[in-house]
Amino acid sequence: MAMDSTILSEGRNSTKACVRLIRLEGETVVEKDYSSRGFLVRGILGPRLLDREERALRRLAGLSGVPGFKLRPSRQRLIMERLAGQPLASFPRGGGSATLPADFFLRLRRLVKTVHHEGIAQGDIGAGDVMVRSDGSPGLVDFSVSVRRRSGGFGAWIFRAAVHQDLRRVARLHQRYSPLDLDAEEERILATAPPVHRWGRRLRRLLPGRRRP
């Protein structure tokens, strides 16, 4: 499949995919590609991350603000819809409504909650994963470490922890980029320790030689 392409990212390190803009049937789309990586990443890690992303995108099909799944040409490559806009990471920190729509982070939180309602947690939301689309609405990309809802047991706990992590990350991004606009829900989320931290504190109390508070 020969296509013209523009590289968006070579990946921060050798475990990350190369991300390109390509033309597919007259449309500009995004391709993630692990085929140039080392054996373990190309043969094991990369395909598993793409499997996870494909499942999430298929589950979220039709949801505005999330790229649609397009094609899986090989185990090492995945093609998805392009969300036109700029990553939040390209905007100045602390700029607030002078650079972003006043309700941007409220709409982002609503989008993330809708993703959760559909049974997916993104799992690692950063400024590079949040898009400010051309109409000012938020977008969310990179579901390679996403977590699916489970019906019970440890899997259900992991999903709840990932949901809390997503909302905490959104609140922290709001705090970083528009600190004067935090609402009561975000302040509560930021004041609540993540579930994994609470579990870690309980575990440390059980270790020999640790004094209980």
Protein backbone atom coordinates (compact mmCIF):
# COMPACT_ATOMS: atom_id res chain seq x y z
CA MET A 1 0.00 0.00 0.00
CA ALA A 2 2.14 2.89 -1.27
CA MET A 3 1.01 6.25 0.09
CA ASP A 4 2.35 9.77 0.50
CA SER A 5 2.96 10.43 4.18
CA THR A 6 3.92 13.16 6.62
CA ILE A 7 5.56 12.10 9.88
CA LEU A 8 3.87 13.56 12.97
CA SER A 9 6.06 11.76 15.49
CA GLU A 10 8.94 9.30 15.28
CA GLY A 11 8.12 8.26 18.85
CA ARG A 12 9.82 9.51 22.01
CA ASN A 13 11.77 6.26 22.27
CA SER A 14 12.14 2.87 20.58
CA THR A 15 9.01 1.48 22.28
CA LYS A 16 6.72 4.09 20.70
CA ALA A 17 5.00 3.93 17.33
CA CYS A 18 5.91 6.12 14.41
CA VAL A 19 2.82 8.28 13.76
CA ARG A 20 2.16 9.60 10.26
CA LEU A 21 -0.44 11.47 8.29
CA ILE A 22 -1.20 9.54 5.12
CA ARG A 23 -3.67 9.76 2.24
CA LEU A 24 -6.13 6.89 2.01
CA GLU A 25 -8.82 6.90 -0.69
CA GLY A 26 -8.62 10.68 -0.95
CA GLU A 27 -8.82 11.25 2.82
CA THR A 28 -6.07 12.34 5.21
CA VAL A 29 -5.85 9.82 8.04
CA VAL A 30 -3.44 8.89 10.84
CA GLU A 31 -1.29 5.75 10.80
CA LYS A 32 0.48 4.22 13.80
CA ASP A 33 3.33 1.96 12.75
CA TYR A 34 5.65 -0.27 14.80
CA SER A 35 7.15 -2.11 11.83
CA SER A 36 10.52 -0.32 12.06
CA ARG A 37 11.03 -1.09 15.77
CA GLY A 38 13.14 -3.80 17.35
CA PHE A 39 11.99 -7.41 17.44
CA LEU A 40 10.30 -7.40 20.85
CA VAL A 41 8.43 -4.14 20.20
CA ARG A 42 7.60 -5.02 16.58
CA GLY A 43 6.55 -8.58 17.35
CA ILE A 44 4.98 -8.42 20.82
CA LEU A 45 4.49 -5.03 22.52
CA GLY A 46 3.44 -2.97 19.49
CA PRO A 47 0.76 -5.38 18.22
CA ARG A 48 -0.70 -5.72 21.72
CA LEU A 49 -0.94 -1.94 22.11
CA LEU A 50 -2.57 -1.66 18.69
CA ASP A 51 -5.00 -4.48 19.59
CA ARG A 52 -5.99 -2.50 22.68
CA GLU A 53 -6.42 0.70 20.67
CA GLU A 54 -8.43 -1.03 17.95
CA ARG A 55 -10.84 -2.53 20.50
CA ALA A 56 -11.33 0.86 22.13
CA LEU A 57 -11.91 2.70 18.84
CA ARG A 58 -14.38 0.06 17.66
CA ARG A 59 -16.25 0.32 20.98
CA LEU A 60 -16.36 4.13 20.68
CA ALA A 61 -17.35 4.19 17.00
CA GLY A 62 -19.46 7.23 16.14
CA LEU A 63 -18.55 9.21 19.27
CA SER A 64 -17.70 12.80 18.36
CA GLY A 65 -14.27 13.79 19.66
CA VAL A 66 -12.72 10.32 19.29
CA PRO A 67 -11.04 9.19 16.05
CA GLY A 68 -12.88 6.51 14.13
CA PHE A 69 -11.16 3.22 13.34
CA LYS A 70 -10.30 2.84 9.65
CA LEU A 71 -8.05 -0.11 8.85
CA ARG A 72 -5.58 -2.62 10.30
CA PRO A 73 -3.22 -3.34 7.36
CA SER A 74 -0.97 -5.55 9.51
CA ARG A 75 -0.32 -6.50 13.13
CA GLN A 76 2.21 -3.64 13.33
CA ARG A 77 0.06 -0.92 11.72
CA LEU A 78 -3.27 0.75 12.49
CA ILE A 79 -5.04 3.50 10.55
CA MET A 80 -7.60 5.80 12.13
CA GLU A 81 -9.51 8.99 11.42
CA ARG A 82 -7.66 12.27 11.80
CA LEU A 83 -9.06 14.79 14.28
CA ALA A 84 -8.26 18.18 12.74
CA GLY A 85 -6.88 20.68 15.25
CA GLN A 86 -3.92 21.25 17.54
CA PRO A 87 -2.77 19.28 20.58
CA LEU A 88 -3.35 21.00 23.90
CA ALA A 89 0.41 20.68 24.50
CA SER A 90 1.01 23.34 21.83
CA PHE A 91 -0.93 25.98 23.81
CA PRO A 92 0.71 28.21 26.46
CA ARG A 93 0.21 27.16 30.06
CA GLY A 94 -1.80 29.51 32.23
CA GLY A 95 -3.34 31.23 29.22
CA GLY A 96 -6.90 30.38 30.23
CA SER A 97 -9.77 31.69 28.13
CA ALA A 98 -7.39 34.04 26.31
CA THR A 99 -6.16 31.05 24.29
CA LEU A 100 -8.80 28.34 24.85
CA PRO A 101 -12.62 28.40 24.74
CA ALA A 102 -13.98 29.28 28.19
CA ASP A 103 -15.84 25.96 28.51
CA PHE A 104 -13.13 23.79 26.94
CA PHE A 105 -12.24 21.77 30.03
CA LEU A 106 -15.88 21.31 31.05
CA ARG A 107 -16.55 19.87 27.59
CA LEU A 108 -13.41 17.73 27.82
CA ARG A 109 -14.57 16.28 31.14
CA ARG A 110 -17.97 15.52 29.62
CA LEU A 111 -16.28 13.79 26.68
CA VAL A 112 -14.13 11.68 29.01
CA LYS A 113 -17.19 10.73 31.08
CA THR A 114 -18.99 9.68 27.90
CA VAL A 115 -16.01 7.49 26.98
CA HIS A 116 -16.26 5.93 30.46
CA HIS A 117 -20.00 5.37 30.01
CA GLU A 118 -19.19 3.38 26.87
CA GLY A 119 -16.94 1.11 28.93
CA ILE A 120 -13.49 2.52 28.11
CA ALA A 121 -10.96 4.47 30.20
CA GLN A 122 -8.15 6.11 28.22
CA GLY A 123 -5.74 5.40 31.05
CA ASP A 124 -2.98 7.98 30.53
CA ILE A 125 -4.40 11.34 29.43
CA GLY A 126 -1.73 13.94 28.79
CA ALA A 127 -1.65 17.29 27.02
CA GLY A 128 -0.47 15.55 23.85
CA ASP A 129 -3.55 13.28 23.89
CA VAL A 130 -6.06 16.15 24.05
CA MET A 131 -6.90 17.93 20.82
CA VAL A 132 -8.29 21.44 20.48
CA ARG A 133 -10.31 20.92 17.33
CA SER A 134 -10.84 23.52 14.64
CA ASP A 135 -14.30 24.37 16.04
CA GLY A 136 -12.92 24.74 19.59
CA SER A 137 -14.33 21.44 20.83
CA PRO A 138 -12.12 18.86 22.60
CA GLY A 139 -10.87 15.62 21.13
CA LEU A 140 -9.20 12.63 22.77
CA VAL A 141 -6.62 10.39 21.09
CA ASP A 142 -4.23 7.52 21.89
CA PHE A 143 -6.09 4.58 23.39
CA SER A 144 -3.10 2.23 23.30
CA VAL A 145 -3.13 1.71 27.09
CA SER A 146 -6.89 1.98 27.49
CA VAL A 147 -8.79 -0.16 29.99
CA ARG A 148 -12.11 -1.89 29.31
CA ARG A 149 -14.90 -2.17 31.87
CA ARG A 150 -15.04 -5.56 33.60
CA SER A 151 -18.03 -6.99 35.44
CA GLY A 152 -16.29 -7.83 38.70
CA GLY A 153 -13.16 -8.72 40.60
CA PHE A 154 -9.74 -7.19 40.08
CA GLY A 155 -10.58 -6.12 36.51
CA ALA A 156 -13.48 -4.00 37.78
CA TRP A 157 -11.17 -2.36 40.35
CA ILE A 158 -8.61 -1.60 37.65
CA PHE A 159 -11.30 0.06 35.51
CA ARG A 160 -12.53 2.20 38.42
CA ALA A 161 -8.94 3.24 39.17
CA ALA A 162 -8.38 4.14 35.49
CA VAL A 163 -11.62 6.18 35.45
CA HIS A 164 -10.46 8.15 38.49
CA GLN A 165 -7.04 8.60 36.89
CA ASP A 166 -8.62 9.99 33.70
CA LEU A 167 -10.71 12.53 35.61
CA ARG A 168 -7.75 13.49 37.78
CA ARG A 169 -5.57 14.01 34.70
CA VAL A 170 -8.23 16.24 33.12
CA ALA A 171 -8.47 18.30 36.32
CA ARG A 172 -4.68 18.64 36.45
CA LEU A 173 -4.59 19.78 32.82
CA HIS A 174 -7.26 22.37 33.64
CA GLN A 175 -5.19 23.47 36.64
CA ARG A 176 -2.12 23.78 34.43
CA TYR A 177 -3.66 25.59 31.47
CA SER A 178 -6.48 27.61 33.07
CA PRO A 179 -5.92 27.57 36.84
CA LEU A 180 -8.47 30.25 37.73
CA ASP A 181 -11.43 28.30 36.33
CA LEU A 182 -11.39 25.09 38.42
CA ASP A 183 -14.83 24.09 39.67
CA ALA A 184 -15.85 22.27 42.86
CA GLU A 185 -15.87 18.82 41.24
CA GLU A 186 -12.32 19.23 39.95
CA GLU A 187 -11.08 20.51 43.31
CA ARG A 188 -12.64 17.45 44.97
CA ILE A 189 -11.00 15.11 42.45
CA LEU A 190 -7.59 16.72 42.96
CA ALA A 191 -7.97 16.48 46.74
CA THR A 192 -8.77 12.75 46.59
CA ALA A 193 -5.81 10.38 46.42
CA PRO A 194 -5.93 7.95 43.46
CA PRO A 195 -7.11 4.42 44.43
CA VAL A 196 -3.71 2.89 43.70
CA HIS A 197 -2.08 5.37 46.12
CA ARG A 198 -4.59 4.54 48.87
CA TRP A 199 -3.97 0.82 48.29
CA GLY A 200 -0.22 1.42 48.44
CA ARG A 201 -0.51 3.23 51.77
CA ARG A 202 -2.52 0.35 53.24
CA LEU A 203 0.05 -2.14 52.00
CA ARG A 204 2.95 -0.19 53.51
CA ARG A 205 1.22 -0.22 56.91
CA LEU A 206 1.31 -4.02 56.84
CA LEU A 207 5.05 -4.23 56.18
CA PRO A 208 7.27 -5.30 59.11
CA GLY A 209 8.90 -2.38 60.87
CA ARG A 210 6.32 0.15 59.66
CA ARG A 211 4.60 2.06 62.44
CA ARG A 212 0.88 2.57 62.08
CA PRO A 213 -0.20 6.22 62.13
